[in-house]
Amino acid sequence: MATSAPTSDSTIKAAHLYINGLKSKIGQLRKVVRKHKIQVLAISGTRLDKNVKDEEVKLKGFKLFRKDRDRNGGGVALYIQDHNKIMNTPEKAPDCEMIWVTVSPNPCATLLVGCCYNPDLNEESVNKILKQFQNLEKKGKDVLLMGNFTIDWLSESKLKTKIEQETTECGLNQLVEDPTRVTEHEATCIDHIYTNIPDQCSDVTFTEAAFSDHLLLTVNVTTSIRIKAAHLNINDLKSNIAEIRDVVKKHPFQVLAISQTYLDNKVKDKEVKLEGFKLFRRDRDSTGGGVALYIQGNIRTRKHPKEEPDCEMIWVTVSPHDSRPLLVGCCYNQDKKKNSLERILERIRKLKITTNYKEVLLMGNFNIDWLFESDLKKKIEEVTTECGLSQLVTQPTRRTGDEATCIDHIYSDIPDRCSAVSHTEVEFSDHLLLTVTVTTICS
């Protein structure tokens, strides 16, 4: 059976079917997958045990992940098309019939896919499933969970109310609102699809399968592309490059902004390189200042060549795969004088006027305490707000003696698609490492 090509690098066609015996129906299932060009397939009611080899129920061009009960009932499985990278060891819930796999259709996008089968209409069984839901928020990923939950979404009941309330609290929406199983006496919606990205899910369809009394559900999912970005004021990049390399290994970024690099034209790129990253830099000299941006090598980039002579700022456009371009900047405001800040603000104004970019991420050491009211703080807040930028950092970023200041800032015009900023201490700087994850939308 030929593997169907994906519609794009970031769109996945996913499907679920309750099959009530996978091994005896594998031939018919192969035809369904080929006809509907499915890339991720969740199967509930597999009725497999350890005596059934993967080879007996394989789909050509797919990886198989399964959690069996026995041949009398139950069991779940996930088929993931080969071109999708699997990012983790499959997670099998210990006390319910559920399996999870993290799928990556491209290097910057991931989707946590799950399949569930709830065999019993009782509160104990539902509570075990809901416990798994509660763990999803901690993972911070796009989620797609499909399965037979044996709870009719079209009929009000205590269990339906419970699962609806709990999933809503966990940020999940249930997408299926029509019957998924039709018998002579009733039509019920017991096969569900839950996700935390409903706006990126489309075309939920219902198709009869001759070998099941449940309908085949399909949905197109446009995965989010997430860019993990970080900033650190370092006070001499060259002498701390080994420590920076260790930090990048521990906290995998796609974008790293460095202020106060202390570099000059005598320092070669290879002396401060990070493996797998492109380096963009604007030097002052070896006694202070300077900014740099490291961008992961598999991301398309374009540096903005124009640089203001008296403004330590660098801008690079990053375009990961199918997403909209993101304009990333790094800035260092060398002193707390009005003229220095004015040059930075003028550069920000020009960028918003002269470019057609709508998505901006600017990081740096601005040397203006966001936690203390001052004329300079008021000025930068007024101008950035006029330009549609929000400042995301609200906690101290530098501690010296008894003083704690918020002088490292992150500005963006898409704050609703930026995660909370995390603050991490590093031994080689008195500034904190700031990290933020930016969700970009596919073009």
Protein backbone atom coordinates (compact mmCIF):
# COMPACT_ATOMS: atom_id res chain seq x y z
CA MET A 1 0.00 0.00 0.00
CA ALA A 2 1.51 3.38 -0.99
CA THR A 3 2.04 5.97 1.72
CA SER A 4 -0.07 9.07 1.11
CA ALA A 5 1.91 12.28 1.03
CA PRO A 6 1.04 14.96 3.59
CA THR A 7 -0.97 17.94 2.40
CA SER A 8 1.73 20.23 3.86
CA ASP A 9 4.57 20.06 6.35
CA SER A 10 2.27 21.19 9.12
CA THR A 11 -1.16 19.66 8.35
CA ILE A 12 -2.03 16.18 9.55
CA LYS A 13 -5.10 14.19 8.54
CA ALA A 14 -6.05 12.16 11.60
CA ALA A 15 -8.77 9.56 12.05
CA HIS A 16 -10.37 7.32 14.65
CA LEU A 17 -12.35 4.10 14.36
CA TYR A 18 -13.71 1.70 16.93
CA ILE A 19 -13.04 -1.59 15.17
CA ASN A 20 -13.96 -4.38 17.64
CA GLY A 21 -11.20 -6.74 16.51
CA LEU A 22 -8.25 -5.37 14.54
CA LYS A 23 -6.58 -8.56 13.32
CA SER A 24 -9.59 -9.95 11.46
CA LYS A 25 -10.29 -6.60 9.76
CA ILE A 26 -6.80 -5.41 8.88
CA GLY A 27 -7.32 -5.97 5.14
CA GLN A 28 -10.42 -3.75 5.09
CA LEU A 29 -8.67 -1.15 7.24
CA ARG A 30 -5.78 -0.90 4.77
CA LYS A 31 -8.26 0.02 2.02
CA VAL A 32 -9.84 2.71 4.21
CA VAL A 33 -6.48 4.29 5.01
CA ARG A 34 -5.52 4.36 1.34
CA LYS A 35 -8.87 5.80 0.25
CA HIS A 36 -8.97 8.59 2.83
CA LYS A 37 -5.22 9.36 2.80
CA ILE A 38 -4.97 9.14 6.57
CA GLN A 39 -1.66 10.04 8.21
CA VAL A 40 -2.47 9.38 11.87
CA LEU A 41 -4.93 6.61 12.75
CA ALA A 42 -6.30 5.85 16.20
CA ILE A 43 -7.97 2.47 16.70
CA SER A 44 -9.98 1.49 19.77
CA GLY A 45 -11.29 -1.98 20.52
CA THR A 46 -8.29 -3.75 18.98
CA ARG A 47 -8.83 -6.99 20.93
CA LEU A 48 -5.15 -7.94 20.66
CA ASP A 49 -2.80 -9.68 23.05
CA LYS A 50 0.95 -10.35 23.15
CA ASN A 51 0.57 -13.40 20.91
CA VAL A 52 -0.40 -11.18 17.99
CA LYS A 53 2.74 -9.86 16.30
CA ASP A 54 2.96 -6.33 14.90
CA GLU A 55 3.63 -7.86 11.49
CA GLU A 56 0.12 -9.37 11.47
CA VAL A 57 -1.60 -5.98 11.85
CA LYS A 58 0.84 -3.63 10.13
CA LEU A 59 -0.01 -0.86 7.70
CA LYS A 60 2.69 -0.31 5.10
CA GLY A 61 4.36 3.08 5.56
CA PHE A 62 3.18 3.43 9.17
CA LYS A 63 4.71 2.94 12.60
CA LEU A 64 2.48 1.00 15.00
CA PHE A 65 2.09 1.70 18.73
CA ARG A 66 -0.30 -0.40 20.77
CA LYS A 67 -1.59 -1.05 24.25
CA ASP A 68 -3.32 -4.42 24.42
CA ARG A 69 -5.83 -5.85 26.85
CA ASP A 70 -6.74 -9.28 25.45
CA ARG A 71 -8.60 -10.93 22.59
CA ASN A 72 -11.92 -10.69 24.40
CA GLY A 73 -12.11 -6.91 24.18
CA GLY A 74 -10.49 -3.54 24.70
CA GLY A 75 -7.11 -2.35 23.55
CA VAL A 76 -5.96 0.75 21.69
CA ALA A 77 -3.46 1.43 18.91
CA LEU A 78 -1.94 4.35 17.02
CA TYR A 79 -0.63 4.17 13.46
CA ILE A 80 1.68 7.10 12.59
CA GLN A 81 2.80 7.64 9.01
CA ASP A 82 6.55 7.14 8.57
CA HIS A 83 7.44 10.67 7.48
CA ASN A 84 6.44 11.97 10.92
CA LYS A 85 9.22 11.86 13.48
CA ILE A 86 8.32 10.24 16.80
CA MET A 87 9.64 12.47 19.58
CA ASN A 88 9.24 10.21 22.61
CA THR A 89 8.78 6.68 23.84
CA PRO A 90 5.03 5.99 23.68
CA GLU A 91 3.33 6.71 26.98
CA LYS A 92 0.90 4.07 28.16
CA ALA A 93 -1.46 5.12 30.94
CA PRO A 94 -1.02 2.64 33.81
CA ASP A 95 -4.63 2.21 34.88
CA CYS A 96 -6.73 2.98 31.81
CA GLU A 97 -6.76 2.04 28.14
CA MET A 98 -4.91 5.02 26.70
CA ILE A 99 -1.72 5.52 24.69
CA TRP A 100 0.14 8.74 23.78
CA VAL A 101 2.73 9.51 21.10
CA THR A 102 4.36 12.88 20.30
CA VAL A 103 4.45 13.38 16.54
CA SER A 104 6.64 15.92 14.74
CA PRO A 105 5.67 16.60 11.11
CA ASN A 106 8.59 19.06 10.88
CA PRO A 107 11.44 20.10 13.21
CA CYS A 108 9.57 23.01 14.82
CA ALA A 109 6.09 21.48 15.20
CA THR A 110 4.88 18.78 17.55
CA LEU A 111 1.50 17.24 18.28
CA LEU A 112 0.71 14.99 21.24
CA VAL A 113 -1.63 12.33 19.83
CA GLY A 114 -3.61 9.97 22.01
CA CYS A 115 -6.09 7.12 21.67
CA CYS A 116 -8.45 6.08 24.44
CA TYR A 117 -11.05 3.40 25.08
CA ASN A 118 -13.40 3.71 28.05
CA PRO A 119 -15.15 0.33 28.40
CA ASP A 120 -17.39 1.15 31.36
CA LEU A 121 -20.11 3.66 32.08
CA ASN A 122 -19.12 4.29 35.69
CA GLU A 123 -17.48 7.12 37.60
CA GLU A 124 -14.38 5.14 38.58
CA SER A 125 -13.53 4.40 34.97
CA VAL A 126 -14.08 8.03 33.92
CA ASN A 127 -11.97 9.34 36.80
CA LYS A 128 -8.98 7.31 35.61
CA ILE A 129 -9.25 8.93 32.19
CA LEU A 130 -9.71 12.42 33.64
CA LYS A 131 -6.55 11.96 35.69
CA GLN A 132 -4.66 11.64 32.42
CA PHE A 133 -6.31 14.82 31.13
CA GLN A 134 -5.09 16.75 34.15
CA ASN A 135 -1.49 15.86 33.31
CA LEU A 136 -1.77 17.30 29.80
CA GLU A 137 -1.47 20.96 30.84
CA LYS A 138 1.95 20.27 32.33
CA LYS A 139 3.24 19.02 28.99
CA GLY A 140 2.63 22.34 27.22
CA LYS A 141 1.94 20.76 23.83
CA ASP A 142 -0.73 20.79 21.17
CA VAL A 143 -3.01 17.84 21.95
CA LEU A 144 -5.28 15.59 19.90
CA LEU A 145 -7.03 12.76 21.76
CA MET A 146 -9.40 10.41 19.93
CA GLY A 147 -11.32 7.39 21.12
CA ASN A 148 -14.47 5.56 22.13
CA PHE A 149 -15.49 7.02 25.49
CA THR A 150 -18.85 5.16 25.73
CA ILE A 151 -20.45 8.42 26.96
CA ASP A 152 -23.14 9.87 24.72
CA TRP A 153 -22.31 13.52 24.04
CA LEU A 154 -25.87 14.09 22.78
CA SER A 155 -27.57 13.05 26.03
CA GLU A 156 -27.28 14.86 29.34
CA SER A 157 -25.98 12.63 32.11
CA LYS A 158 -23.85 12.88 35.23
CA LEU A 159 -20.84 11.34 33.47
CA LYS A 160 -21.24 13.56 30.40
CA THR A 161 -21.37 16.66 32.62
CA LYS A 162 -18.34 15.48 34.55
CA ILE A 163 -16.14 14.83 31.52
CA GLU A 164 -17.27 18.07 29.87
CA GLN A 165 -16.42 20.16 32.94
CA GLU A 166 -13.06 18.51 33.51
CA THR A 167 -11.91 18.72 29.90
CA THR A 168 -12.95 22.38 29.70
CA GLU A 169 -10.91 23.14 32.82
CA CYS A 170 -7.94 21.45 31.14
CA GLY A 171 -8.36 23.66 28.06
CA LEU A 172 -9.74 20.88 25.84
CA ASN A 173 -12.64 21.13 23.40
CA GLN A 174 -14.68 18.18 22.17
CA LEU A 175 -15.17 18.48 18.40
CA VAL A 176 -17.69 15.73 17.59
CA GLU A 177 -21.34 16.78 17.82
CA ASP A 178 -23.17 14.28 15.61
CA PRO A 179 -23.90 10.57 16.09
CA THR A 180 -20.92 8.27 15.66
CA ARG A 181 -22.75 4.98 16.20
CA VAL A 182 -26.16 4.24 14.69
CA THR A 183 -28.05 1.06 15.51
CA GLU A 184 -31.61 -0.02 14.84
CA HIS A 185 -32.78 1.52 18.11
CA GLU A 186 -30.53 4.52 18.78
CA ALA A 187 -28.00 7.01 17.47
CA THR A 188 -25.27 8.02 19.92
CA CYS A 189 -22.16 10.19 19.93
CA ILE A 190 -19.77 8.03 21.93
CA ASP A 191 -16.62 8.50 19.83
CA HIS A 192 -14.97 11.80 20.75
CA ILE A 193 -12.10 14.01 19.61
CA TYR A 194 -10.56 16.36 22.20
CA THR A 195 -8.04 19.08 21.47
CA ASN A 196 -6.59 22.28 22.92
CA ILE A 197 -6.24 23.81 19.43
CA PRO A 198 -9.83 23.77 18.10
CA ASP A 199 -9.15 26.75 15.80
CA GLN A 200 -6.50 24.68 14.04
CA CYS A 201 -8.80 21.70 13.49
CA SER A 202 -11.12 21.55 10.49
CA ASP A 203 -13.30 19.28 8.38
CA VAL A 204 -14.49 16.76 10.96
CA THR A 205 -16.12 14.13 8.78
CA PHE A 206 -18.17 11.00 9.41
CA THR A 207 -17.87 8.01 7.08
CA GLU A 208 -19.54 4.60 7.26
CA ALA A 209 -17.19 1.63 7.49
CA ALA A 210 -18.76 -1.66 6.41
CA PHE A 211 -16.81 -3.61 9.04
CA SER A 212 -17.85 -1.55 12.09
CA ASP A 213 -21.08 -0.17 13.50
CA HIS A 214 -19.16 2.99 14.44
CA LEU A 215 -18.40 5.73 11.94
CA LEU A 216 -14.88 6.57 10.84
CA LEU A 217 -14.06 10.07 12.13
CA THR A 218 -11.48 12.17 10.31
CA VAL A 219 -10.12 15.65 11.08
CA ASN A 220 -7.46 17.90 9.57
CA VAL A 221 -5.10 19.36 12.15
CA THR A 222 -2.80 22.26 11.38
CA THR A 223 -0.01 21.94 13.90
CA SER A 224 1.44 24.95 15.65
CA ILE A 225 5.06 25.77 15.04
CA ARG A 226 6.68 26.74 18.32
CA ILE A 227 9.90 28.67 18.61
CA LYS A 228 11.66 28.56 21.94
CA ALA A 229 13.62 31.78 22.33
CA ALA A 230 15.95 32.97 25.08
CA HIS A 231 17.93 36.01 26.13
CA LEU A 232 20.96 36.40 28.37
CA ASN A 233 23.13 39.38 29.19
CA ILE A 234 26.52 37.72 29.38
CA ASN A 235 29.37 40.27 29.82
CA ASP A 236 31.86 38.64 27.41
CA LEU A 237 30.65 35.95 25.06
CA LYS A 238 34.03 34.53 24.08
CA SER A 239 35.17 33.73 27.61
CA ASN A 240 31.80 32.17 28.47
CA ILE A 241 31.12 30.26 25.24
CA ALA A 242 31.69 26.83 26.84
CA GLU A 243 29.11 27.64 29.51
CA ILE A 244 26.67 28.88 26.85
CA ARG A 245 27.06 25.61 24.95
CA ASP A 246 26.17 23.70 28.13
CA VAL A 247 23.09 25.88 28.65
CA VAL A 248 21.88 25.24 25.08
CA LYS A 249 22.25 21.48 25.60
CA LYS A 250 20.21 21.67 28.79
CA HIS A 251 17.57 24.09 27.47
CA PRO A 252 17.17 23.42 23.74
CA PHE A 253 16.41 26.74 22.03
CA GLN A 254 15.73 27.64 18.44
CA VAL A 255 16.68 31.29 19.04
CA LEU A 256 19.20 32.70 21.51
CA ALA A 257 19.78 36.45 21.95
CA ILE A 258 22.95 37.62 23.70
CA SER A 259 23.59 41.16 24.92
CA GLN A 260 26.98 42.56 25.98
CA THR A 261 29.02 40.16 23.86
CA TYR A 262 32.27 42.20 24.26
CA LEU A 263 33.34 41.14 20.75
CA ASP A 264 35.29 42.99 18.10
CA ASN A 265 36.38 42.21 14.54
CA LYS A 266 39.38 40.26 15.78
CA VAL A 267 37.12 37.52 17.18
CA LYS A 268 36.18 35.02 14.48
CA ASP A 269 32.73 33.46 14.30
CA LYS A 270 34.20 29.99 14.78
CA GLU A 271 35.52 31.03 18.21
CA VAL A 272 32.00 31.66 19.49
CA LYS A 273 29.97 29.25 17.38
CA LEU A 274 27.22 26.99 18.65
CA GLU A 275 26.93 23.67 16.83
CA GLY A 276 23.84 23.62 14.63
CA PHE A 277 23.23 27.39 14.81
CA LYS A 278 23.74 30.35 12.51
CA LEU A 279 25.38 33.35 14.17
CA PHE A 280 24.45 36.98 13.53
CA ARG A 281 26.35 39.63 15.45
CA ARG A 282 26.83 43.35 15.85
CA ASP A 283 30.01 44.14 17.71
CA ARG A 284 31.13 47.19 19.60
CA ASP A 285 34.55 46.31 21.04
CA SER A 286 36.25 44.06 23.58
CA THR A 287 35.53 46.41 26.49
CA GLY A 288 31.75 46.24 26.41
CA GLY A 289 28.49 46.23 24.49
CA GLY A 290 27.61 44.23 21.42
CA VAL A 291 24.66 41.98 20.58
CA ALA A 292 24.28 38.62 18.85
CA LEU A 293 21.57 36.26 17.67
CA TYR A 294 21.96 32.50 17.32
CA ILE A 295 19.29 30.91 15.09
CA GLN A 296 18.91 27.15 14.70
CA GLY A 297 20.42 26.08 11.40
CA ASN A 298 17.32 24.41 9.92
CA ILE A 299 15.30 27.65 10.11
CA ARG A 300 15.30 30.01 7.14
CA THR A 301 16.76 33.40 8.05
CA ARG A 302 17.34 36.85 6.59
CA LYS A 303 19.34 39.53 8.35
CA HIS A 304 18.19 43.12 8.06
CA PRO A 305 21.32 44.82 6.73
CA LYS A 306 20.58 48.39 7.79
CA GLU A 307 22.04 49.18 11.21
CA GLU A 308 21.77 52.51 12.97
CA PRO A 309 25.28 53.80 13.77
CA ASP A 310 24.52 54.67 17.40
CA CYS A 311 22.10 51.90 18.31
CA GLU A 312 23.19 48.45 19.49
CA MET A 313 20.43 46.42 17.91
CA ILE A 314 20.27 43.56 15.41
CA TRP A 315 17.26 42.13 13.56
CA VAL A 316 16.84 38.80 11.77
CA THR A 317 13.74 37.41 10.08
CA VAL A 318 13.15 33.75 10.90
CA SER A 319 10.78 31.64 8.81
CA PRO A 320 10.36 28.12 10.20
CA HIS A 321 8.81 25.87 7.56
CA ASP A 322 5.24 26.89 6.68
CA SER A 323 4.84 29.55 9.36
CA ARG A 324 4.57 33.30 9.01
CA PRO A 325 7.88 35.16 9.31
CA LEU A 326 8.88 36.27 12.80
CA LEU A 327 11.08 39.34 13.13
CA VAL A 328 13.53 38.65 15.97
CA GLY A 329 15.68 41.35 17.50
CA CYS A 330 18.31 41.74 20.18
CA CYS A 331 19.10 45.06 21.80
CA TYR A 332 21.52 46.50 24.33
CA ASN A 333 20.87 49.95 25.79
CA GLN A 334 24.28 50.89 27.10
CA ASP A 335 23.28 53.62 29.54
CA LYS A 336 20.28 55.15 31.25
CA LYS A 337 20.42 58.42 29.30
CA LYS A 338 17.46 59.74 27.35
CA ASN A 339 19.43 60.08 24.08
CA SER A 340 20.48 56.44 24.18
CA LEU A 341 16.90 55.27 24.65
CA GLU A 342 15.59 57.62 21.95
CA ARG A 343 17.83 55.98 19.34
CA ILE A 344 16.42 52.57 20.23
CA LEU A 345 12.83 53.79 20.17
CA GLU A 346 13.33 55.49 16.82
CA ARG A 347 14.62 52.21 15.40
CA ILE A 348 11.53 50.40 16.69
CA ARG A 349 9.25 53.04 15.13
CA LYS A 350 10.99 52.75 11.76
CA LEU A 351 10.71 48.97 11.73
CA LYS A 352 6.98 49.06 12.33
CA ILE A 353 6.51 51.68 9.60
CA THR A 354 8.90 50.44 6.93
CA THR A 355 8.33 46.68 7.14
CA ASN A 356 5.22 44.62 6.60
CA TYR A 357 6.00 42.31 9.50
CA LYS A 358 3.20 41.83 11.95
CA GLU A 359 4.93 39.42 14.30
CA VAL A 360 7.85 40.71 16.34
CA LEU A 361 9.98 39.42 19.19
CA LEU A 362 12.55 41.85 20.64
CA MET A 363 14.78 40.78 23.54
CA GLY A 364 17.59 42.55 25.31
CA ASN A 365 19.10 44.43 28.22
CA PHE A 366 17.45 47.85 28.19
CA ASN A 367 18.97 49.06 31.48
CA ILE A 368 15.59 50.46 32.51
CA ASP A 369 13.94 48.92 35.55
CA TRP A 370 10.43 47.84 34.60
CA LEU A 371 9.53 47.52 38.29
CA PHE A 372 10.36 51.18 39.10
CA GLU A 373 8.38 54.15 37.81
CA SER A 374 10.63 56.66 36.03
CA ASP A 375 10.51 59.04 33.07
CA LEU A 376 12.53 56.60 30.94
CA LYS A 377 10.32 53.66 31.86
CA LYS A 378 7.24 55.74 31.03
CA LYS A 379 8.77 56.75 27.69
CA ILE A 380 9.66 53.24 26.53
CA GLU A 381 6.26 51.97 27.64
CA GLU A 382 4.45 54.70 25.68
CA VAL A 383 6.37 54.15 22.45
CA THR A 384 6.29 50.36 22.47
CA THR A 385 2.56 50.44 23.21
CA GLU A 386 2.03 52.81 20.28
CA CYS A 387 3.88 50.29 18.10
CA GLY A 388 1.62 47.49 19.32
CA LEU A 389 4.30 45.84 21.47
CA SER A 390 3.74 44.36 24.93
CA GLN A 391 6.52 43.88 27.48
CA LEU A 392 6.32 40.32 28.82
CA VAL A 393 8.83 40.29 31.70
CA THR A 394 7.39 41.34 35.06
CA GLN A 395 9.83 39.88 37.57
CA PRO A 396 13.43 40.78 38.49
CA THR A 397 16.04 39.72 35.93
CA ARG A 398 19.17 40.87 37.79
CA ARG A 399 20.05 40.64 41.47
CA THR A 400 23.03 42.44 42.96
CA GLY A 401 23.36 42.63 46.72
CA ASP A 402 20.05 43.91 48.07
CA GLU A 403 18.86 45.22 44.70
CA ALA A 404 16.57 43.32 42.34
CA THR A 405 15.77 44.95 39.00
CA CYS A 406 13.88 44.05 35.83
CA ILE A 407 16.19 45.50 33.18
CA ASP A 408 16.06 42.63 30.68
CA HIS A 409 12.90 42.91 28.60
CA ILE A 410 11.02 40.91 25.98
CA TYR A 411 8.65 42.79 23.67
CA SER A 412 6.15 41.23 21.25
CA ASP A 413 3.11 42.19 19.24
CA ILE A 414 1.66 38.68 19.67
CA PRO A 415 1.60 38.37 23.49
CA ASP A 416 -1.36 35.98 23.34
CA ARG A 417 0.87 33.51 21.48
CA CYS A 418 3.81 33.86 23.84
CA SER A 419 4.13 31.61 26.86
CA ALA A 420 4.85 32.90 30.33
CA VAL A 421 8.50 33.95 30.57
CA SER A 422 10.67 31.64 32.65
CA HIS A 423 13.64 32.87 34.67
CA THR A 424 16.68 30.64 35.25
CA GLU A 425 19.84 31.39 37.20
CA VAL A 426 23.20 30.78 35.51
CA GLU A 427 26.49 30.78 37.37
CA PHE A 428 28.42 32.86 34.84
CA SER A 429 26.13 35.92 34.78
CA ASP A 430 24.39 38.09 37.36
CA HIS A 431 21.45 38.32 34.95
CA LEU A 432 18.85 35.58 34.67
CA LEU A 433 18.35 33.54 31.53
CA LEU A 434 14.92 34.44 30.15
CA THR A 435 13.03 31.97 27.95
CA VAL A 436 9.74 32.30 26.11
CA THR A 437 7.97 30.02 23.65
CA VAL A 438 6.34 31.73 20.68
CA THR A 439 3.60 29.96 18.74
CA THR A 440 3.57 30.93 15.08
CA ILE A 441 0.72 30.36 12.68
CA CYS A 442 1.17 28.51 9.42
CA SER A 443 1.03 30.57 6.24
